[in-house]
Amino acid sequence: MASLARKTARLRFGRRSVPGAHYFVTFCTKDRIPALGEPGHAMALVETLRSMHAAQDIGLVAATIMPDHVHLLFALGESLRVGQVIGKIKTLARRQPNEGWRWQNECFEHRLRPEDSVEDYGFYIFMNPYRAGLSRMDVKWPWWVCPQPMGLRFLLHLEAGLPVPDEWIGRSKEIARRTVVRG
Protein backbone atom coordinates (compact mmCIF):
# COMPACT_ATOMS: atom_id res chain seq x y z
CA MET A 1 0.00 0.00 0.00
CA ALA A 2 1.35 3.43 -0.95
CA SER A 3 2.32 5.80 1.82
CA LEU A 4 -0.25 8.49 2.57
CA ALA A 5 2.34 10.77 4.16
CA ARG A 6 2.55 14.20 2.59
CA LYS A 7 5.75 14.98 0.79
CA THR A 8 5.97 18.68 1.61
CA ALA A 9 9.70 18.73 0.96
CA ARG A 10 8.88 18.28 -2.74
CA LEU A 11 7.12 21.65 -2.65
CA ARG A 12 10.50 23.24 -1.95
CA PHE A 13 12.34 21.19 -4.61
CA GLY A 14 13.84 23.53 -7.14
CA ARG A 15 12.85 26.65 -5.19
CA ARG A 16 14.99 29.57 -6.18
CA SER A 17 14.95 32.88 -4.43
CA VAL A 18 15.78 35.65 -6.87
CA PRO A 19 15.97 39.16 -5.39
CA GLY A 20 13.78 41.54 -7.38
CA ALA A 21 11.73 38.72 -8.94
CA HIS A 22 7.96 38.73 -8.47
CA TYR A 23 6.36 35.88 -6.57
CA PHE A 24 2.74 34.81 -6.27
CA VAL A 25 2.21 32.95 -2.99
CA THR A 26 -0.82 31.35 -1.37
CA PHE A 27 -0.83 29.89 2.12
CA CYS A 28 -3.69 28.54 4.21
CA THR A 29 -4.74 27.93 7.76
CA LYS A 30 -4.44 24.29 8.83
CA ASP A 31 -7.60 22.38 7.94
CA ARG A 32 -8.84 25.61 6.27
CA ILE A 33 -10.18 26.94 9.59
CA PRO A 34 -11.64 30.40 8.81
CA ALA A 35 -9.66 32.13 11.57
CA LEU A 36 -8.50 34.94 9.31
CA GLY A 37 -12.09 36.14 9.09
CA GLU A 38 -11.58 37.50 12.61
CA PRO A 39 -10.64 41.19 12.31
CA GLY A 40 -7.78 40.87 14.83
CA HIS A 41 -6.05 38.16 12.82
CA ALA A 42 -6.65 39.89 9.49
CA MET A 43 -5.34 43.19 10.86
CA ALA A 44 -2.24 41.46 12.25
CA LEU A 45 -1.55 40.15 8.74
CA VAL A 46 -2.10 43.57 7.18
CA GLU A 47 0.29 45.17 9.67
CA THR A 48 2.87 42.43 9.09
CA LEU A 49 2.73 42.87 5.32
CA ARG A 50 3.01 46.65 5.58
CA SER A 51 5.97 46.44 7.98
CA MET A 52 7.79 43.94 5.75
CA HIS A 53 7.15 46.22 2.77
CA ALA A 54 8.46 49.24 4.71
CA ALA A 55 11.55 47.27 5.79
CA GLN A 56 12.10 46.28 2.12
CA ASP A 57 11.98 42.56 2.91
CA ILE A 58 9.41 42.52 0.11
CA GLY A 59 8.07 44.99 -2.40
CA LEU A 60 4.40 44.24 -1.78
CA VAL A 61 2.32 44.63 -4.92
CA ALA A 62 -0.95 43.25 -3.58
CA ALA A 63 -2.47 40.89 -1.03
CA THR A 64 -5.92 39.62 -0.18
CA ILE A 65 -6.67 38.02 3.14
CA MET A 66 -9.47 35.50 2.87
CA PRO A 67 -11.09 33.74 5.86
CA ASP A 68 -8.86 30.66 5.50
CA HIS A 69 -6.03 31.67 3.18
CA VAL A 70 -3.85 34.52 1.97
CA HIS A 71 -2.79 35.48 -1.57
CA LEU A 72 0.36 37.59 -1.97
CA LEU A 73 2.11 39.18 -4.90
CA PHE A 74 5.47 40.72 -4.12
CA ALA A 75 8.94 41.44 -5.41
CA LEU A 76 11.54 39.69 -3.29
CA GLY A 77 13.89 42.00 -1.42
CA GLU A 78 17.63 41.49 -0.99
CA SER A 79 17.76 40.20 2.59
CA LEU A 80 15.46 37.15 2.77
CA ARG A 81 14.77 34.04 0.72
CA VAL A 82 11.17 33.25 -0.29
CA GLY A 83 10.77 30.61 2.43
CA GLN A 84 12.04 33.07 5.03
CA VAL A 85 9.53 35.68 3.87
CA ILE A 86 6.66 33.23 4.25
CA GLY A 87 7.94 32.06 7.64
CA LYS A 88 8.30 35.62 8.88
CA ILE A 89 4.79 36.54 7.77
CA LYS A 90 3.31 33.48 9.45
CA THR A 91 5.26 34.07 12.67
CA LEU A 92 4.59 37.80 13.00
CA ALA A 93 0.93 37.46 12.09
CA ARG A 94 0.42 34.80 14.80
CA ARG A 95 1.19 37.19 17.66
CA GLN A 96 -2.52 37.26 18.39
CA PRO A 97 -3.59 34.93 21.22
CA ASN A 98 -3.81 31.30 20.09
CA GLU A 99 -7.45 30.53 19.40
CA GLY A 100 -7.10 26.95 18.23
CA TRP A 101 -5.74 27.47 14.74
CA ARG A 102 -2.36 27.16 13.05
CA TRP A 103 -0.88 27.72 9.64
CA GLN A 104 -0.67 24.84 7.21
CA ASN A 105 2.99 23.86 6.79
CA GLU A 106 3.13 24.05 3.03
CA CYS A 107 2.19 26.82 0.64
CA PHE A 108 1.91 27.43 -3.09
CA GLU A 109 4.55 29.65 -4.59
CA HIS A 110 5.20 30.69 -8.16
CA ARG A 111 8.01 32.91 -9.38
CA LEU A 112 6.61 34.96 -12.25
CA ARG A 113 8.37 34.54 -15.56
CA PRO A 114 9.33 37.62 -17.58
CA GLU A 115 6.31 37.05 -19.85
CA ASP A 116 3.88 36.76 -16.89
CA SER A 117 1.68 39.74 -16.21
CA VAL A 118 1.96 41.29 -12.74
CA GLU A 119 -1.32 43.04 -13.59
CA ASP A 120 -3.10 39.70 -14.18
CA TYR A 121 -1.87 38.23 -10.90
CA GLY A 122 -2.85 41.41 -9.04
CA PHE A 123 -6.28 41.27 -10.64
CA TYR A 124 -6.69 37.59 -9.70
CA ILE A 125 -5.80 38.40 -6.07
CA PHE A 126 -8.14 41.40 -5.97
CA MET A 127 -11.08 39.43 -7.37
CA ASN A 128 -10.71 36.43 -5.05
CA PRO A 129 -13.31 37.51 -2.42
CA TYR A 130 -15.76 38.58 -5.14
CA ARG A 131 -15.41 35.28 -7.03
CA ALA A 132 -15.98 33.45 -3.74
CA GLY A 133 -19.17 35.46 -3.08
CA LEU A 134 -17.77 36.93 0.15
CA SER A 135 -18.34 40.54 -0.84
CA ARG A 136 -20.90 42.48 -2.83
CA MET A 137 -19.56 44.06 -5.98
CA ASP A 138 -20.22 47.58 -4.68
CA VAL A 139 -18.28 47.05 -1.43
CA LYS A 140 -14.50 47.18 -1.12
CA TRP A 141 -13.09 44.01 0.46
CA PRO A 142 -11.62 45.19 3.78
CA TRP A 143 -8.59 42.91 3.71
CA TRP A 144 -7.19 43.95 0.33
CA VAL A 145 -3.71 45.45 0.66
CA CYS A 146 -2.06 47.38 -2.15
CA PRO A 147 0.54 49.94 -1.00
CA GLN A 148 0.91 51.52 -4.45
CA PRO A 149 -2.44 51.18 -6.23
CA MET A 150 -1.28 53.18 -9.24
CA GLY A 151 0.83 50.15 -10.18
CA LEU A 152 -2.29 48.16 -11.10
CA ARG A 153 -4.27 49.70 -13.97
CA PHE A 154 -7.56 47.94 -13.20
CA LEU A 155 -7.80 49.89 -9.93
CA LEU A 156 -8.24 53.15 -11.87
CA HIS A 157 -11.85 52.06 -12.52
CA LEU A 158 -12.51 51.80 -8.79
CA GLU A 159 -10.91 55.16 -7.92
CA ALA A 160 -13.93 56.87 -9.44
CA GLY A 161 -16.10 55.16 -6.82
CA LEU A 162 -17.55 52.70 -9.31
CA PRO A 163 -18.43 49.15 -8.20
CA VAL A 164 -16.57 46.09 -9.39
CA PRO A 165 -18.10 45.33 -12.82
CA ASP A 166 -19.90 41.98 -13.06
CA GLU A 167 -17.87 41.04 -16.15
CA TRP A 168 -14.70 41.08 -14.05
CA ILE A 169 -15.78 37.77 -12.49
CA GLY A 170 -15.52 36.01 -15.86
CA ARG A 171 -12.25 37.79 -16.65
CA SER A 172 -10.75 36.70 -13.32
CA LYS A 173 -11.77 33.08 -13.94
CA GLU A 174 -10.09 33.21 -17.35
CA ILE A 175 -6.92 34.67 -15.81
CA ALA A 176 -6.96 31.90 -13.19
CA ARG A 177 -7.10 29.25 -15.91
CA ARG A 178 -4.44 30.94 -18.01
CA THR A 179 -1.91 32.00 -15.40
CA VAL A 180 -2.41 31.17 -11.76
CA VAL A 181 -3.52 27.58 -12.13
CA ARG A 182 -0.73 26.95 -14.61
CA GLY A 183 1.78 27.58 -11.83
C-alpha atoms as a PDB file:
ATOM      1  CA  MET A   1       0.000   0.000   0.000  1.00  0.00           C
ATOM      2  CA  ALA A   2       1.350   3.427  -0.947  1.00  0.00           C
ATOM      3  CA  SER A   3       2.318   5.804   1.817  1.00  0.00           C
ATOM      4  CA  LEU A   4      -0.252   8.487   2.569  1.00  0.00           C
ATOM      5  CA  ALA A   5       2.340  10.772   4.163  1.00  0.00           C
ATOM      6  CA  ARG A   6       2.554  14.205   2.590  1.00  0.00           C
ATOM      7  CA  LYS A   7       5.747  14.979   0.793  1.00  0.00           C
ATOM      8  CA  THR A   8       5.970  18.676   1.612  1.00  0.00           C
ATOM      9  CA  ALA A   9       9.703  18.729   0.961  1.00  0.00           C
ATOM     10  CA  ARG A  10       8.875  18.276  -2.737  1.00  0.00           C
ATOM     11  CA  LEU A  11       7.121  21.652  -2.646  1.00  0.00           C
ATOM     12  CA  ARG A  12      10.505  23.238  -1.950  1.00  0.00           C
ATOM     13  CA  PHE A  13      12.343  21.193  -4.605  1.00  0.00           C
ATOM     14  CA  GLY A  14      13.842  23.528  -7.137  1.00  0.00           C
ATOM     15  CA  ARG A  15      12.849  26.651  -5.188  1.00  0.00           C
ATOM     16  CA  ARG A  16      14.992  29.575  -6.178  1.00  0.00           C
ATOM     17  CA  SER A  17      14.953  32.885  -4.429  1.00  0.00           C
ATOM     18  CA  VAL A  18      15.777  35.651  -6.870  1.00  0.00           C
ATOM     19  CA  PRO A  19      15.974  39.162  -5.394  1.00  0.00           C
ATOM     20  CA  GLY A  20      13.782  41.537  -7.385  1.00  0.00           C
ATOM     21  CA  ALA A  21      11.733  38.723  -8.943  1.00  0.00           C
ATOM     22  CA  HIS A  22       7.958  38.735  -8.468  1.00  0.00           C
ATOM     23  CA  TYR A  23       6.358  35.880  -6.569  1.00  0.00           C
ATOM     24  CA  PHE A  24       2.739  34.807  -6.272  1.00  0.00           C
ATOM     25  CA  VAL A  25       2.212  32.945  -2.994  1.00  0.00           C
ATOM     26  CA  THR A  26      -0.821  31.354  -1.369  1.00  0.00           C
ATOM     27  CA  PHE A  27      -0.835  29.889   2.116  1.00  0.00           C
ATOM     28  CA  CYS A  28      -3.693  28.543   4.212  1.00  0.00           C
ATOM     29  CA  THR A  29      -4.741  27.926   7.764  1.00  0.00           C
ATOM     30  CA  LYS A  30      -4.444  24.295   8.831  1.00  0.00           C
ATOM     31  CA  ASP A  31      -7.605  22.382   7.936  1.00  0.00           C
ATOM     32  CA  ARG A  32      -8.837  25.606   6.273  1.00  0.00           C
ATOM     33  CA  ILE A  33     -10.176  26.936   9.592  1.00  0.00           C
ATOM     34  CA  PRO A  34     -11.644  30.403   8.810  1.00  0.00           C
ATOM     35  CA  ALA A  35      -9.661  32.128  11.574  1.00  0.00           C
ATOM     36  CA  LEU A  36      -8.500  34.944   9.306  1.00  0.00           C
ATOM     37  CA  GLY A  37     -12.095  36.136   9.092  1.00  0.00           C
ATOM     38  CA  GLU A  38     -11.583  37.502  12.609  1.00  0.00           C
ATOM     39  CA  PRO A  39     -10.637  41.188  12.310  1.00  0.00           C
ATOM     40  CA  GLY A  40      -7.782  40.868  14.827  1.00  0.00           C
ATOM     41  CA  HIS A  41      -6.055  38.160  12.816  1.00  0.00           C
ATOM     42  CA  ALA A  42      -6.649  39.886   9.489  1.00  0.00           C
ATOM     43  CA  MET A  43      -5.343  43.195  10.860  1.00  0.00           C
ATOM     44  CA  ALA A  44      -2.239  41.463  12.251  1.00  0.00           C
ATOM     45  CA  LEU A  45      -1.549  40.149   8.741  1.00  0.00           C
ATOM     46  CA  VAL A  46      -2.101  43.574   7.176  1.00  0.00           C
ATOM     47  CA  GLU A  47       0.290  45.170   9.672  1.00  0.00           C
ATOM     48  CA  THR A  48       2.867  42.429   9.094  1.00  0.00           C
ATOM     49  CA  LEU A  49       2.734  42.866   5.320  1.00  0.00           C
ATOM     50  CA  ARG A  50       3.007  46.647   5.582  1.00  0.00           C
ATOM     51  CA  SER A  51       5.969  46.442   7.980  1.00  0.00           C
ATOM     52  CA  MET A  52       7.791  43.940   5.746  1.00  0.00           C
ATOM     53  CA  HIS A  53       7.145  46.222   2.769  1.00  0.00           C
ATOM     54  CA  ALA A  54       8.458  49.243   4.708  1.00  0.00           C
ATOM     55  CA  ALA A  55      11.555  47.268   5.793  1.00  0.00           C
ATOM     56  CA  GLN A  56      12.102  46.283   2.122  1.00  0.00           C
ATOM     57  CA  ASP A  57      11.976  42.564   2.908  1.00  0.00           C
ATOM     58  CA  ILE A  58       9.411  42.518   0.108  1.00  0.00           C
ATOM     59  CA  GLY A  59       8.069  44.993  -2.397  1.00  0.00           C
ATOM     60  CA  LEU A  60       4.405  44.243  -1.781  1.00  0.00           C
ATOM     61  CA  VAL A  61       2.324  44.635  -4.915  1.00  0.00           C
ATOM     62  CA  ALA A  62      -0.951  43.249  -3.581  1.00  0.00           C
ATOM     63  CA  ALA A  63      -2.470  40.889  -1.035  1.00  0.00           C
ATOM     64  CA  THR A  64      -5.918  39.618  -0.183  1.00  0.00           C
ATOM     65  CA  ILE A  65      -6.671  38.020   3.139  1.00  0.00           C
ATOM     66  CA  MET A  66      -9.471  35.498   2.875  1.00  0.00           C
ATOM     67  CA  PRO A  67     -11.092  33.739   5.857  1.00  0.00           C
ATOM     68  CA  ASP A  68      -8.864  30.663   5.503  1.00  0.00           C
ATOM     69  CA  HIS A  69      -6.027  31.670   3.176  1.00  0.00           C
ATOM     70  CA  VAL A  70      -3.853  34.523   1.966  1.00  0.00           C
ATOM     71  CA  HIS A  71      -2.785  35.482  -1.566  1.00  0.00           C
ATOM     72  CA  LEU A  72       0.359  37.587  -1.966  1.00  0.00           C
ATOM     73  CA  LEU A  73       2.110  39.176  -4.901  1.00  0.00           C
ATOM     74  CA  PHE A  74       5.472  40.717  -4.115  1.00  0.00           C
ATOM     75  CA  ALA A  75       8.937  41.440  -5.409  1.00  0.00           C
ATOM     76  CA  LEU A  76      11.537  39.694  -3.286  1.00  0.00           C
ATOM     77  CA  GLY A  77      13.892  42.002  -1.419  1.00  0.00           C
ATOM     78  CA  GLU A  78      17.628  41.494  -0.994  1.00  0.00           C
ATOM     79  CA  SER A  79      17.757  40.205   2.591  1.00  0.00           C
ATOM     80  CA  LEU A  80      15.457  37.148   2.769  1.00  0.00           C
ATOM     81  CA  ARG A  81      14.770  34.040   0.721  1.00  0.00           C
ATOM     82  CA  VAL A  82      11.167  33.254  -0.287  1.00  0.00           C
ATOM     83  CA  GLY A  83      10.765  30.610   2.427  1.00  0.00           C
ATOM     84  CA  GLN A  84      12.037  33.068   5.029  1.00  0.00           C
ATOM     85  CA  VAL A  85       9.531  35.683   3.869  1.00  0.00           C
ATOM     86  CA  ILE A  86       6.657  33.230   4.249  1.00  0.00           C
ATOM     87  CA  GLY A  87       7.938  32.060   7.642  1.00  0.00           C
ATOM     88  CA  LYS A  88       8.303  35.624   8.880  1.00  0.00           C
ATOM     89  CA  ILE A  89       4.786  36.544   7.770  1.00  0.00           C
ATOM     90  CA  LYS A  90       3.309  33.484   9.447  1.00  0.00           C
ATOM     91  CA  THR A  91       5.257  34.065  12.668  1.00  0.00           C
ATOM     92  CA  LEU A  92       4.595  37.795  12.996  1.00  0.00           C
ATOM     93  CA  ALA A  93       0.928  37.462  12.095  1.00  0.00           C
ATOM     94  CA  ARG A  94       0.419  34.801  14.804  1.00  0.00           C
ATOM     95  CA  ARG A  95       1.194  37.189  17.656  1.00  0.00           C
ATOM     96  CA  GLN A  96      -2.525  37.262  18.391  1.00  0.00           C
ATOM     97  CA  PRO A  97      -3.595  34.930  21.221  1.00  0.00           C
ATOM     98  CA  ASN A  98      -3.806  31.296  20.087  1.00  0.00           C
ATOM     99  CA  GLU A  99      -7.447  30.530  19.397  1.00  0.00           C
ATOM    100  CA  GLY A 100      -7.097  26.951  18.231  1.00  0.00           C
ATOM    101  CA  TRP A 101      -5.742  27.466  14.739  1.00  0.00           C
ATOM    102  CA  ARG A 102      -2.361  27.164  13.052  1.00  0.00           C
ATOM    103  CA  TRP A 103      -0.876  27.720   9.644  1.00  0.00           C
ATOM    104  CA  GLN A 104      -0.673  24.837   7.215  1.00  0.00           C
ATOM    105  CA  ASN A 105       2.989  23.859   6.790  1.00  0.00           C
ATOM    106  CA  GLU A 106       3.134  24.050   3.028  1.00  0.00           C
ATOM    107  CA  CYS A 107       2.192  26.815   0.637  1.00  0.00           C
ATOM    108  CA  PHE A 108       1.906  27.431  -3.087  1.00  0.00           C
ATOM    109  CA  GLU A 109       4.553  29.653  -4.587  1.00  0.00           C
ATOM    110  CA  HIS A 110       5.202  30.685  -8.155  1.00  0.00           C
ATOM    111  CA  ARG A 111       8.010  32.913  -9.385  1.00  0.00           C
ATOM    112  CA  LEU A 112       6.607  34.956 -12.246  1.00  0.00           C
ATOM    113  CA  ARG A 113       8.368  34.543 -15.559  1.00  0.00           C
ATOM    114  CA  PRO A 114       9.332  37.619 -17.577  1.00  0.00           C
ATOM    115  CA  GLU A 115       6.312  37.055 -19.849  1.00  0.00           C
ATOM    116  CA  ASP A 116       3.883  36.756 -16.889  1.00  0.00           C
ATOM    117  CA  SER A 117       1.684  39.744 -16.208  1.00  0.00           C
ATOM    118  CA  VAL A 118       1.964  41.285 -12.741  1.00  0.00           C
ATOM    119  CA  GLU A 119      -1.319  43.043 -13.593  1.00  0.00           C
ATOM    120  CA  ASP A 120      -3.104  39.700 -14.176  1.00  0.00           C
ATOM    121  CA  TYR A 121      -1.871  38.233 -10.902  1.00  0.00           C
ATOM    122  CA  GLY A 122      -2.849  41.406  -9.036  1.00  0.00           C
ATOM    123  CA  PHE A 123      -6.284  41.268 -10.635  1.00  0.00           C
ATOM    124  CA  TYR A 124      -6.692  37.591  -9.700  1.00  0.00           C
ATOM    125  CA  ILE A 125      -5.802  38.396  -6.070  1.00  0.00           C
ATOM    126  CA  PHE A 126      -8.137  41.397  -5.971  1.00  0.00           C
ATOM    127  CA  MET A 127     -11.075  39.435  -7.373  1.00  0.00           C
ATOM    128  CA  ASN A 128     -10.713  36.428  -5.051  1.00  0.00           C
ATOM    129  CA  PRO A 129     -13.307  37.510  -2.421  1.00  0.00           C
ATOM    130  CA  TYR A 130     -15.760  38.582  -5.138  1.00  0.00           C
ATOM    131  CA  ARG A 131     -15.408  35.283  -7.028  1.00  0.00           C
ATOM    132  CA  ALA A 132     -15.983  33.449  -3.738  1.00  0.00           C
ATOM    133  CA  GLY A 133     -19.166  35.455  -3.078  1.00  0.00           C
ATOM    134  CA  LEU A 134     -17.769  36.930   0.151  1.00  0.00           C
ATOM    135  CA  SER A 135     -18.340  40.538  -0.843  1.00  0.00           C
ATOM    136  CA  ARG A 136     -20.898  42.479  -2.832  1.00  0.00           C
ATOM    137  CA  MET A 137     -19.556  44.057  -5.980  1.00  0.00           C
ATOM    138  CA  ASP A 138     -20.222  47.582  -4.685  1.00  0.00           C
ATOM    139  CA  VAL A 139     -18.279  47.055  -1.432  1.00  0.00           C
ATOM    140  CA  LYS A 140     -14.502  47.181  -1.118  1.00  0.00           C
ATOM    141  CA  TRP A 141     -13.093  44.005   0.456  1.00  0.00           C
ATOM    142  CA  PRO A 142     -11.623  45.192   3.780  1.00  0.00           C
ATOM    143  CA  TRP A 143      -8.594  42.905   3.706  1.00  0.00           C
ATOM    144  CA  TRP A 144      -7.189  43.948   0.329  1.00  0.00           C
ATOM    145  CA  VAL A 145      -3.707  45.454   0.658  1.00  0.00           C
ATOM    146  CA  CYS A 146      -2.055  47.375  -2.146  1.00  0.00           C
ATOM    147  CA  PRO A 147       0.537  49.941  -0.999  1.00  0.00           C
ATOM    148  CA  GLN A 148       0.912  51.520  -4.450  1.00  0.00           C
ATOM    149  CA  PRO A 149      -2.442  51.181  -6.227  1.00  0.00           C
ATOM    150  CA  MET A 150      -1.279  53.179  -9.236  1.00  0.00           C
ATOM    151  CA  GLY A 151       0.825  50.146 -10.175  1.00  0.00           C
ATOM    152  CA  LEU A 152      -2.290  48.160 -11.098  1.00  0.00           C
ATOM    153  CA  ARG A 153      -4.271  49.697 -13.969  1.00  0.00           C
ATOM    154  CA  PHE A 154      -7.564  47.942 -13.204  1.00  0.00           C
ATOM    155  CA  LEU A 155      -7.800  49.891  -9.932  1.00  0.00           C
ATOM    156  CA  LEU A 156      -8.244  53.146 -11.874  1.00  0.00           C
ATOM    157  CA  HIS A 157     -11.847  52.063 -12.520  1.00  0.00           C
ATOM    158  CA  LEU A 158     -12.509  51.799  -8.786  1.00  0.00           C
ATOM    159  CA  GLU A 159     -10.910  55.164  -7.920  1.00  0.00           C
ATOM    160  CA  ALA A 160     -13.928  56.867  -9.436  1.00  0.00           C
ATOM    161  CA  GLY A 161     -16.105  55.164  -6.817  1.00  0.00           C
ATOM    162  CA  LEU A 162     -17.549  52.702  -9.307  1.00  0.00           C
ATOM    163  CA  PRO A 163     -18.435  49.154  -8.202  1.00  0.00           C
ATOM    164  CA  VAL A 164     -16.573  46.093  -9.390  1.00  0.00           C
ATOM    165  CA  PRO A 165     -18.102  45.329 -12.820  1.00  0.00           C
ATOM    166  CA  ASP A 166     -19.897  41.979 -13.061  1.00  0.00           C
ATOM    167  CA  GLU A 167     -17.871  41.040 -16.151  1.00  0.00           C
ATOM    168  CA  TRP A 168     -14.700  41.083 -14.047  1.00  0.00           C
ATOM    169  CA  ILE A 169     -15.780  37.766 -12.493  1.00  0.00           C
ATOM    170  CA  GLY A 170     -15.520  36.012 -15.860  1.00  0.00           C
ATOM    171  CA  ARG A 171     -12.254  37.785 -16.651  1.00  0.00           C
ATOM    172  CA  SER A 172     -10.752  36.696 -13.323  1.00  0.00           C
ATOM    173  CA  LYS A 173     -11.774  33.082 -13.935  1.00  0.00           C
ATOM    174  CA  GLU A 174     -10.093  33.206 -17.345  1.00  0.00           C
ATOM    175  CA  ILE A 175      -6.924  34.670 -15.809  1.00  0.00           C
ATOM    176  CA  ALA A 176      -6.958  31.896 -13.195  1.00  0.00           C
ATOM    177  CA  ARG A 177      -7.104  29.249 -15.909  1.00  0.00           C
ATOM    178  CA  ARG A 178      -4.442  30.944 -18.015  1.00  0.00           C
ATOM    179  CA  THR A 179      -1.910  32.003 -15.404  1.00  0.00           C
ATOM    180  CA  VAL A 180      -2.406  31.171 -11.758  1.00  0.00           C
ATOM    181  CA  VAL A 181      -3.520  27.577 -12.126  1.00  0.00           C
ATOM    182  CA  ARG A 182      -0.730  26.949 -14.611  1.00  0.00           C
ATOM    183  CA  GLY A 183       1.783  27.579 -11.829  1.00  0.00           C
END
